[in-house]
Amino acid sequence: MMQPRHSRTTTVARPVTPKGTRAGQRPVEKPVEFTLHMLEARSVAIAGTFNDWDVKRTSLSPSPGGVWKATVWLPAGRYEYRFIVDGQWINDPS
């Protein structure tokens, strides 16, 4: 009978505290505005690492002239995202 090589994991996951914050303190969030100029769109959403790539969580609102906007409060950092226009995933053209 074969025995597993390791019976326990030796890696410990610890939350990382961003610079400028103390342990237990929530990182400061700032508003980030996402805009997309898409005159012919009927619906626009944004999905990314900040919302677990959930296409239904962050919708953009239409503004005059075909500009779609959403403001998301995020801690400082680097994020990946894509727009979903009428069900089609697109890269940010800007």
PDB file of N, CA and C in Angstrom:
ATOM      1  N   MET A   1       0.840  -1.173   0.000  1.00  0.00           N
ATOM      2  CA  MET A   1       0.000   0.000   0.000  1.00  0.00           C
ATOM      3  C   MET A   1       0.888   1.240   0.000  1.00  0.00           C
ATOM      4  N   MET A   2       0.583   2.181  -0.901  1.00  0.00           N
ATOM      5  CA  MET A   2       1.384   3.402  -0.976  1.00  0.00           C
ATOM      6  C   MET A   2       0.900   4.419   0.042  1.00  0.00           C
ATOM      7  N   GLN A   3       1.836   5.089   0.652  1.00  0.00           N
ATOM      8  CA  GLN A   3       1.526   6.134   1.634  1.00  0.00           C
ATOM      9  C   GLN A   3       1.764   7.494   0.977  1.00  0.00           C
ATOM     10  N   PRO A   4       0.936   8.485   1.306  1.00  0.00           N
ATOM     11  CA  PRO A   4       1.194   9.820   0.752  1.00  0.00           C
ATOM     12  C   PRO A   4       2.549  10.335   1.234  1.00  0.00           C
ATOM     13  N   ARG A   5       3.202  11.065   0.380  1.00  0.00           N
ATOM     14  CA  ARG A   5       4.521  11.590   0.700  1.00  0.00           C
ATOM     15  C   ARG A   5       4.451  12.585   1.858  1.00  0.00           C
ATOM     16  N   HIS A   6       3.418  13.404   1.876  1.00  0.00           N
ATOM     17  CA  HIS A   6       3.248  14.400   2.937  1.00  0.00           C
ATOM     18  C   HIS A   6       1.876  14.224   3.543  1.00  0.00           C
ATOM     19  N   SER A   7       1.821  14.198   4.834  1.00  0.00           N
ATOM     20  CA  SER A   7       0.520  14.048   5.477  1.00  0.00           C
ATOM     21  C   SER A   7      -0.097  15.391   5.845  1.00  0.00           C
ATOM     22  N   ARG A   8       0.740  16.432   5.935  1.00  0.00           N
ATOM     23  CA  ARG A   8       0.228  17.763   6.269  1.00  0.00           C
ATOM     24  C   ARG A   8       0.881  18.799   5.368  1.00  0.00           C
ATOM     25  N   THR A   9       0.159  19.851   5.164  1.00  0.00           N
ATOM     26  CA  THR A   9       0.751  20.937   4.396  1.00  0.00           C
ATOM     27  C   THR A   9       1.690  21.726   5.300  1.00  0.00           C
ATOM     28  N   THR A  10       2.761  22.236   4.729  1.00  0.00           N
ATOM     29  CA  THR A  10       3.699  23.027   5.512  1.00  0.00           C
ATOM     30  C   THR A  10       3.599  24.506   5.168  1.00  0.00           C
ATOM     31  N   THR A  11       2.717  24.842   4.262  1.00  0.00           N
ATOM     32  CA  THR A  11       2.534  26.229   3.863  1.00  0.00           C
ATOM     33  C   THR A  11       1.413  26.843   4.678  1.00  0.00           C
ATOM     34  N   VAL A  12       1.683  28.032   5.212  1.00  0.00           N
ATOM     35  CA  VAL A  12       0.691  28.736   5.996  1.00  0.00           C
ATOM     36  C   VAL A  12       0.283  29.980   5.228  1.00  0.00           C
ATOM     37  N   ALA A  13      -1.003  30.133   4.977  1.00  0.00           N
ATOM     38  CA  ALA A  13      -1.501  31.321   4.283  1.00  0.00           C
ATOM     39  C   ALA A  13      -1.753  32.415   5.309  1.00  0.00           C
ATOM     40  N   ARG A  14      -1.158  33.569   5.066  1.00  0.00           N
ATOM     41  CA  ARG A  14      -1.357  34.708   5.956  1.00  0.00           C
ATOM     42  C   ARG A  14      -1.832  35.882   5.129  1.00  0.00           C
ATOM     43  N   PRO A  15      -2.771  36.665   5.678  1.00  0.00           N
ATOM     44  CA  PRO A  15      -3.166  37.864   4.939  1.00  0.00           C
ATOM     45  C   PRO A  15      -2.003  38.845   4.881  1.00  0.00           C
ATOM     46  N   VAL A  16      -1.888  39.544   3.780  1.00  0.00           N
ATOM     47  CA  VAL A  16      -0.829  40.527   3.611  1.00  0.00           C
ATOM     48  C   VAL A  16      -1.402  41.894   3.936  1.00  0.00           C
ATOM     49  N   THR A  17      -0.730  42.617   4.830  1.00  0.00           N
ATOM     50  CA  THR A  17      -1.168  43.955   5.197  1.00  0.00           C
ATOM     51  C   THR A  17      -0.456  44.958   4.311  1.00  0.00           C
ATOM     52  N   PRO A  18      -1.210  45.753   3.517  1.00  0.00           N
ATOM     53  CA  PRO A  18      -0.568  46.738   2.644  1.00  0.00           C
ATOM     54  C   PRO A  18       0.220  47.756   3.458  1.00  0.00           C
ATOM     55  N   LYS A  19       1.269  48.314   2.849  1.00  0.00           N
ATOM     56  CA  LYS A  19       2.059  49.337   3.518  1.00  0.00           C
ATOM     57  C   LYS A  19       1.166  50.508   3.889  1.00  0.00           C
ATOM     58  N   GLY A  20       1.417  51.073   5.040  1.00  0.00           N
ATOM     59  CA  GLY A  20       0.642  52.221   5.487  1.00  0.00           C
ATOM     60  C   GLY A  20      -0.573  51.849   6.315  1.00  0.00           C
ATOM     61  N   THR A  21      -0.844  50.565   6.481  1.00  0.00           N
ATOM     62  CA  THR A  21      -1.959  50.152   7.323  1.00  0.00           C
ATOM     63  C   THR A  21      -1.431  49.254   8.430  1.00  0.00           C
ATOM     64  N   ARG A  22      -2.140  49.258   9.532  1.00  0.00           N
ATOM     65  CA  ARG A  22      -1.770  48.395  10.648  1.00  0.00           C
ATOM     66  C   ARG A  22      -2.549  47.101  10.549  1.00  0.00           C
ATOM     67  N   ALA A  23      -2.016  46.073  11.189  1.00  0.00           N
ATOM     68  CA  ALA A  23      -2.696  44.781  11.194  1.00  0.00           C
ATOM     69  C   ALA A  23      -4.102  44.958  11.750  1.00  0.00           C
ATOM     70  N   GLY A  24      -5.083  44.363  11.111  1.00  0.00           N
ATOM     71  CA  GLY A  24      -6.470  44.473  11.549  1.00  0.00           C
ATOM     72  C   GLY A  24      -7.187  45.697  11.003  1.00  0.00           C
ATOM     73  N   GLN A  25      -6.453  46.618  10.400  1.00  0.00           N
ATOM     74  CA  GLN A  25      -7.058  47.822   9.835  1.00  0.00           C
ATOM     75  C   GLN A  25      -7.361  47.575   8.365  1.00  0.00           C
ATOM     76  N   ARG A  26      -8.545  47.961   7.937  1.00  0.00           N
ATOM     77  CA  ARG A  26      -8.937  47.779   6.538  1.00  0.00           C
ATOM     78  C   ARG A  26      -8.196  48.780   5.659  1.00  0.00           C
ATOM     79  N   PRO A  27      -7.686  48.334   4.494  1.00  0.00           N
ATOM     80  CA  PRO A  27      -6.981  49.268   3.603  1.00  0.00           C
ATOM     81  C   PRO A  27      -7.915  50.384   3.137  1.00  0.00           C
ATOM     82  N   VAL A  28      -7.346  51.544   2.902  1.00  0.00           N
ATOM     83  CA  VAL A  28      -8.120  52.695   2.446  1.00  0.00           C
ATOM     84  C   VAL A  28      -8.563  52.453   1.008  1.00  0.00           C
ATOM     85  N   GLU A  29      -9.844  52.647   0.750  1.00  0.00           N
ATOM     86  CA  GLU A  29     -10.373  52.489  -0.598  1.00  0.00           C
ATOM     87  C   GLU A  29     -10.592  53.858  -1.218  1.00  0.00           C
ATOM     88  N   LYS A  30     -10.403  53.932  -2.520  1.00  0.00           N
ATOM     89  CA  LYS A  30     -10.620  55.168  -3.264  1.00  0.00           C
ATOM     90  C   LYS A  30     -11.528  54.881  -4.445  1.00  0.00           C
ATOM     91  N   PRO A  31     -12.292  55.886  -4.879  1.00  0.00           N
ATOM     92  CA  PRO A  31     -13.178  55.659  -6.029  1.00  0.00           C
ATOM     93  C   PRO A  31     -12.384  55.580  -7.332  1.00  0.00           C
ATOM     94  N   VAL A  32     -12.704  54.565  -8.122  1.00  0.00           N
ATOM     95  CA  VAL A  32     -12.103  54.402  -9.455  1.00  0.00           C
ATOM     96  C   VAL A  32     -13.255  54.415 -10.443  1.00  0.00           C
ATOM     97  N   GLU A  33     -13.219  55.357 -11.384  1.00  0.00           N
ATOM     98  CA  GLU A  33     -14.301  55.457 -12.364  1.00  0.00           C
ATOM     99  C   GLU A  33     -13.902  54.740 -13.650  1.00  0.00           C
ATOM    100  N   PHE A  34     -14.761  53.836 -14.076  1.00  0.00           N
ATOM    101  CA  PHE A  34     -14.582  53.134 -15.337  1.00  0.00           C
ATOM    102  C   PHE A  34     -15.541  53.759 -16.338  1.00  0.00           C
ATOM    103  N   THR A  35     -15.042  54.091 -17.514  1.00  0.00           N
ATOM    104  CA  THR A  35     -15.891  54.656 -18.568  1.00  0.00           C
ATOM    105  C   THR A  35     -15.623  53.928 -19.876  1.00  0.00           C
ATOM    106  N   LEU A  36     -16.666  53.835 -20.667  1.00  0.00           N
ATOM    107  CA  LEU A  36     -16.562  53.206 -21.983  1.00  0.00           C
ATOM    108  C   LEU A  36     -17.473  53.963 -22.930  1.00  0.00           C
ATOM    109  N   HIS A  37     -16.922  54.435 -24.046  1.00  0.00           N
ATOM    110  CA  HIS A  37     -17.726  55.110 -25.062  1.00  0.00           C
ATOM    111  C   HIS A  37     -18.194  54.057 -26.057  1.00  0.00           C
ATOM    112  N   MET A  38     -19.492  53.751 -25.995  1.00  0.00           N
ATOM    113  CA  MET A  38     -20.049  52.689 -26.840  1.00  0.00           C
ATOM    114  C   MET A  38     -21.498  53.078 -27.144  1.00  0.00           C
ATOM    115  N   LEU A  39     -21.663  53.897 -28.152  1.00  0.00           N
ATOM    116  CA  LEU A  39     -22.958  54.465 -28.503  1.00  0.00           C
ATOM    117  C   LEU A  39     -24.024  53.414 -28.778  1.00  0.00           C
ATOM    118  N   GLU A  40     -23.665  52.338 -29.460  1.00  0.00           N
ATOM    119  CA  GLU A  40     -24.656  51.345 -29.872  1.00  0.00           C
ATOM    120  C   GLU A  40     -24.957  50.283 -28.808  1.00  0.00           C
ATOM    121  N   ALA A  41     -24.289  50.323 -27.658  1.00  0.00           N
ATOM    122  CA  ALA A  41     -24.478  49.294 -26.621  1.00  0.00           C
ATOM    123  C   ALA A  41     -25.852  49.407 -25.952  1.00  0.00           C
ATOM    124  N   ARG A  42     -26.400  48.241 -25.595  1.00  0.00           N
ATOM    125  CA  ARG A  42     -27.656  48.194 -24.848  1.00  0.00           C
ATOM    126  C   ARG A  42     -27.416  47.889 -23.378  1.00  0.00           C
ATOM    127  N   SER A  43     -26.316  47.177 -23.077  1.00  0.00           N
ATOM    128  CA  SER A  43     -25.942  46.903 -21.687  1.00  0.00           C
ATOM    129  C   SER A  43     -24.424  46.769 -21.601  1.00  0.00           C
ATOM    130  N   VAL A  44     -23.866  47.297 -20.519  1.00  0.00           N
ATOM    131  CA  VAL A  44     -22.420  47.225 -20.306  1.00  0.00           C
ATOM    132  C   VAL A  44     -22.178  46.895 -18.841  1.00  0.00           C
ATOM    133  N   ALA A  45     -21.248  45.978 -18.616  1.00  0.00           N
ATOM    134  CA  ALA A  45     -20.819  45.621 -17.265  1.00  0.00           C
ATOM    135  C   ALA A  45     -19.306  45.524 -17.276  1.00  0.00           C
ATOM    136  N   ILE A  46     -18.735  45.399 -16.094  1.00  0.00           N
ATOM    137  CA  ILE A  46     -17.294  45.223 -15.978  1.00  0.00           C
ATOM    138  C   ILE A  46     -17.036  44.069 -15.025  1.00  0.00           C
ATOM    139  N   ALA A  47     -16.094  43.231 -15.389  1.00  0.00           N
ATOM    140  CA  ALA A  47     -15.717  42.100 -14.541  1.00  0.00           C
ATOM    141  C   ALA A  47     -14.206  42.091 -14.424  1.00  0.00           C
ATOM    142  N   GLY A  48     -13.727  41.763 -13.238  1.00  0.00           N
ATOM    143  CA  GLY A  48     -12.283  41.758 -13.045  1.00  0.00           C
ATOM    144  C   GLY A  48     -11.886  41.102 -11.741  1.00  0.00           C
ATOM    145  N   THR A  49     -10.623  41.245 -11.432  1.00  0.00           N
ATOM    146  CA  THR A  49     -10.098  40.634 -10.218  1.00  0.00           C
ATOM    147  C   THR A  49     -10.703  41.248  -8.965  1.00  0.00           C
ATOM    148  N   PHE A  50     -11.230  42.450  -9.068  1.00  0.00           N
ATOM    149  CA  PHE A  50     -11.811  43.128  -7.907  1.00  0.00           C
ATOM    150  C   PHE A  50     -13.225  42.646  -7.581  1.00  0.00           C
ATOM    151  N   ASN A  51     -13.887  41.942  -8.500  1.00  0.00           N
ATOM    152  CA  ASN A  51     -15.233  41.426  -8.230  1.00  0.00           C
ATOM    153  C   ASN A  51     -15.367  39.947  -8.612  1.00  0.00           C
ATOM    154  N   ASP A  52     -14.251  39.239  -8.550  1.00  0.00           N
ATOM    155  CA  ASP A  52     -14.210  37.802  -8.841  1.00  0.00           C
ATOM    156  C   ASP A  52     -14.715  37.466 -10.245  1.00  0.00           C
ATOM    157  N   TRP A  53     -14.517  38.360 -11.185  1.00  0.00           N
ATOM    158  CA  TRP A  53     -14.908  38.171 -12.583  1.00  0.00           C
ATOM    159  C   TRP A  53     -16.407  37.881 -12.725  1.00  0.00           C
ATOM    160  N   ASP A  54     -17.193  38.446 -11.829  1.00  0.00           N
ATOM    161  CA  ASP A  54     -18.643  38.256 -11.849  1.00  0.00           C
ATOM    162  C   ASP A  54     -19.272  39.274 -12.800  1.00  0.00           C
ATOM    163  N   VAL A  55     -19.826  38.810 -13.911  1.00  0.00           N
ATOM    164  CA  VAL A  55     -20.372  39.709 -14.946  1.00  0.00           C
ATOM    165  C   VAL A  55     -21.647  40.408 -14.507  1.00  0.00           C
ATOM    166  N   LYS A  56     -22.276  39.948 -13.443  1.00  0.00           N
ATOM    167  CA  LYS A  56     -23.531  40.551 -12.986  1.00  0.00           C
ATOM    168  C   LYS A  56     -23.352  41.518 -11.816  1.00  0.00           C
ATOM    169  N   ARG A  57     -22.161  41.588 -11.258  1.00  0.00           N
ATOM    170  CA  ARG A  57     -21.968  42.374 -10.042  1.00  0.00           C
ATOM    171  C   ARG A  57     -21.804  43.872 -10.282  1.00  0.00           C
ATOM    172  N   THR A  58     -21.156  44.281 -11.379  1.00  0.00           N
ATOM    173  CA  THR A  58     -20.845  45.696 -11.589  1.00  0.00           C
ATOM    174  C   THR A  58     -21.326  46.153 -12.957  1.00  0.00           C
ATOM    175  N   SER A  59     -22.523  46.724 -12.992  1.00  0.00           N
ATOM    176  CA  SER A  59     -23.086  47.258 -14.237  1.00  0.00           C
ATOM    177  C   SER A  59     -22.685  48.716 -14.405  1.00  0.00           C
ATOM    178  N   LEU A  60     -22.545  49.141 -15.639  1.00  0.00           N
ATOM    179  CA  LEU A  60     -22.285  50.543 -15.937  1.00  0.00           C
ATOM    180  C   LEU A  60     -23.596  51.204 -16.320  1.00  0.00           C
ATOM    181  N   SER A  61     -23.705  52.481 -15.997  1.00  0.00           N
ATOM    182  CA  SER A  61     -24.917  53.252 -16.313  1.00  0.00           C
ATOM    183  C   SER A  61     -24.673  54.107 -17.541  1.00  0.00           C
ATOM    184  N   PRO A  62     -25.685  54.195 -18.408  1.00  0.00           N
ATOM    185  CA  PRO A  62     -25.515  55.017 -19.615  1.00  0.00           C
ATOM    186  C   PRO A  62     -25.593  56.500 -19.283  1.00  0.00           C
ATOM    187  N   SER A  63     -24.799  57.277 -19.998  1.00  0.00           N
ATOM    188  CA  SER A  63     -24.813  58.735 -19.906  1.00  0.00           C
ATOM    189  C   SER A  63     -25.039  59.271 -21.308  1.00  0.00           C
ATOM    190  N   PRO A  64     -25.369  60.553 -21.440  1.00  0.00           N
ATOM    191  CA  PRO A  64     -25.564  61.121 -22.778  1.00  0.00           C
ATOM    192  C   PRO A  64     -24.325  60.936 -23.656  1.00  0.00           C
ATOM    193  N   GLY A  65     -24.555  60.731 -24.932  1.00  0.00           N
ATOM    194  CA  GLY A  65     -23.463  60.604 -25.889  1.00  0.00           C
ATOM    195  C   GLY A  65     -22.874  59.215 -25.985  1.00  0.00           C
ATOM    196  N   GLY A  66     -23.552  58.213 -25.422  1.00  0.00           N
ATOM    197  CA  GLY A  66     -23.056  56.845 -25.526  1.00  0.00           C
ATOM    198  C   GLY A  66     -21.929  56.492 -24.583  1.00  0.00           C
ATOM    199  N   VAL A  67     -21.768  57.270 -23.510  1.00  0.00           N
ATOM    200  CA  VAL A  67     -20.735  56.985 -22.521  1.00  0.00           C
ATOM    201  C   VAL A  67     -21.352  56.203 -21.376  1.00  0.00           C
ATOM    202  N   TRP A  68     -20.739  55.089 -21.028  1.00  0.00           N
ATOM    203  CA  TRP A  68     -21.185  54.242 -19.928  1.00  0.00           C
ATOM    204  C   TRP A  68     -20.210  54.412 -18.779  1.00  0.00           C
ATOM    205  N   LYS A  69     -20.747  54.509 -17.530  1.00  0.00           N
ATOM    206  CA  LYS A  69     -19.884  54.794 -16.379  1.00  0.00           C
ATOM    207  C   LYS A  69     -20.250  53.945 -15.175  1.00  0.00           C
ATOM    208  N   ALA A  70     -19.230  53.630 -14.392  1.00  0.00           N
ATOM    209  CA  ALA A  70     -19.418  52.990 -13.086  1.00  0.00           C
ATOM    210  C   ALA A  70     -18.262  53.418 -12.195  1.00  0.00           C
ATOM    211  N   THR A  71     -18.555  53.641 -10.931  1.00  0.00           N
ATOM    212  CA  THR A  71     -17.522  53.962  -9.954  1.00  0.00           C
ATOM    213  C   THR A  71     -17.423  52.800  -8.973  1.00  0.00           C
ATOM    214  N   VAL A  72     -16.203  52.310  -8.789  1.00  0.00           N
ATOM    215  CA  VAL A  72     -15.944  51.184  -7.899  1.00  0.00           C
ATOM    216  C   VAL A  72     -14.936  51.646  -6.857  1.00  0.00           C
ATOM    217  N   TRP A  73     -15.223  51.388  -5.581  1.00  0.00           N
ATOM    218  CA  TRP A  73     -14.298  51.734  -4.504  1.00  0.00           C
ATOM    219  C   TRP A  73     -13.319  50.586  -4.311  1.00  0.00           C
ATOM    220  N   LEU A  74     -12.015  50.888  -4.487  1.00  0.00           N
ATOM    221  CA  LEU A  74     -10.984  49.854  -4.435  1.00  0.00           C
ATOM    222  C   LEU A  74      -9.790  50.310  -3.601  1.00  0.00           C
ATOM    223  N   PRO A  75      -9.165  49.376  -2.881  1.00  0.00           N
ATOM    224  CA  PRO A  75      -7.883  49.715  -2.245  1.00  0.00           C
ATOM    225  C   PRO A  75      -6.813  49.846  -3.327  1.00  0.00           C
ATOM    226  N   ALA A  76      -5.750  50.552  -3.015  1.00  0.00           N
ATOM    227  CA  ALA A  76      -4.656  50.719  -3.972  1.00  0.00           C
ATOM    228  C   ALA A  76      -4.140  49.350  -4.385  1.00  0.00           C
ATOM    229  N   GLY A  77      -3.796  49.231  -5.643  1.00  0.00           N
ATOM    230  CA  GLY A  77      -3.274  47.963  -6.135  1.00  0.00           C
ATOM    231  C   GLY A  77      -3.394  47.873  -7.635  1.00  0.00           C
ATOM    232  N   ARG A  78      -3.082  46.710  -8.142  1.00  0.00           N
ATOM    233  CA  ARG A  78      -3.147  46.458  -9.587  1.00  0.00           C
ATOM    234  C   ARG A  78      -4.271  45.461  -9.826  1.00  0.00           C
ATOM    235  N   TYR A  79      -5.110  45.751 -10.804  1.00  0.00           N
ATOM    236  CA  TYR A  79      -6.271  44.918 -11.095  1.00  0.00           C
ATOM    237  C   TYR A  79      -6.349  44.625 -12.586  1.00  0.00           C
ATOM    238  N   GLU A  80      -6.920  43.481 -12.930  1.00  0.00           N
ATOM    239  CA  GLU A  80      -7.214  43.139 -14.314  1.00  0.00           C
ATOM    240  C   GLU A  80      -8.725  43.193 -14.483  1.00  0.00           C
ATOM    241  N   TYR A  81      -9.182  43.616 -15.653  1.00  0.00           N
ATOM    242  CA  TYR A  81     -10.621  43.702 -15.905  1.00  0.00           C
ATOM    243  C   TYR A  81     -10.893  43.695 -17.393  1.00  0.00           C
ATOM    244  N   ARG A  82     -12.149  43.430 -17.733  1.00  0.00           N
ATOM    245  CA  ARG A  82     -12.644  43.536 -19.104  1.00  0.00           C
ATOM    246  C   ARG A  82     -14.079  44.025 -19.046  1.00  0.00           C
ATOM    247  N   PHE A  83     -14.503  44.666 -20.110  1.00  0.00           N
ATOM    248  CA  PHE A  83     -15.891  45.097 -20.227  1.00  0.00           C
ATOM    249  C   PHE A  83     -16.699  43.974 -20.876  1.00  0.00           C
ATOM    250  N   ILE A  84     -17.979  43.917 -20.529  1.00  0.00           N
ATOM    251  CA  ILE A  84     -18.905  42.995 -21.175  1.00  0.00           C
ATOM    252  C   ILE A  84     -19.979  43.865 -21.820  1.00  0.00           C
ATOM    253  N   VAL A  85     -19.978  43.920 -23.142  1.00  0.00           N
ATOM    254  CA  VAL A  85     -20.910  44.760 -23.898  1.00  0.00           C
ATOM    255  C   VAL A  85     -21.894  43.842 -24.619  1.00  0.00           C
ATOM    256  N   ASP A  86     -23.153  43.953 -24.234  1.00  0.00           N
ATOM    257  CA  ASP A  86     -24.213  43.130 -24.832  1.00  0.00           C
ATOM    258  C   ASP A  86     -23.812  41.644 -24.844  1.00  0.00           C
ATOM    259  N   GLY A  87     -23.199  41.186 -23.756  1.00  0.00           N
ATOM    260  CA  GLY A  87     -22.824  39.780 -23.618  1.00  0.00           C
ATOM    261  C   GLY A  87     -21.471  39.417 -24.197  1.00  0.00           C
ATOM    262  N   GLN A  88     -20.795  40.342 -24.864  1.00  0.00           N
ATOM    263  CA  GLN A  88     -19.498  40.073 -25.489  1.00  0.00           C
ATOM    264  C   GLN A  88     -18.364  40.701 -24.653  1.00  0.00           C
ATOM    265  N   TRP A  89     -17.354  39.905 -24.329  1.00  0.00           N
ATOM    266  CA  TRP A  89     -16.205  40.403 -23.576  1.00  0.00           C
ATOM    267  C   TRP A  89     -15.306  41.205 -24.501  1.00  0.00           C
ATOM    268  N   ILE A  90     -14.914  42.419 -24.038  1.00  0.00           N
ATOM    269  CA  ILE A  90     -13.996  43.242 -24.827  1.00  0.00           C
ATOM    270  C   ILE A  90     -12.938  43.843 -23.904  1.00  0.00           C
ATOM    271  N   ASN A  91     -11.782  44.115 -24.470  1.00  0.00           N
ATOM    272  CA  ASN A  91     -10.735  44.823 -23.736  1.00  0.00           C
ATOM    273  C   ASN A  91     -11.074  46.306 -23.678  1.00  0.00           C
ATOM    274  N   ASP A  92     -10.537  46.986 -22.705  1.00  0.00           N
ATOM    275  CA  ASP A  92     -10.717  48.427 -22.591  1.00  0.00           C
ATOM    276  C   ASP A  92     -10.008  49.076 -23.784  1.00  0.00           C
ATOM    277  N   PRO A  93     -10.742  49.760 -24.670  1.00  0.00           N
ATOM    278  CA  PRO A  93     -10.106  50.343 -25.853  1.00  0.00           C
ATOM    279  C   PRO A  93      -9.149  51.487 -25.530  1.00  0.00           C
ATOM    280  N   SER A  94      -9.259  52.040 -24.329  1.00  0.00           N
ATOM    281  CA  SER A  94      -8.338  53.134 -23.986  1.00  0.00           C
ATOM    282  C   SER A  94      -7.193  52.603 -23.188  1.00  0.00           C
TER     283      SER A  94
END
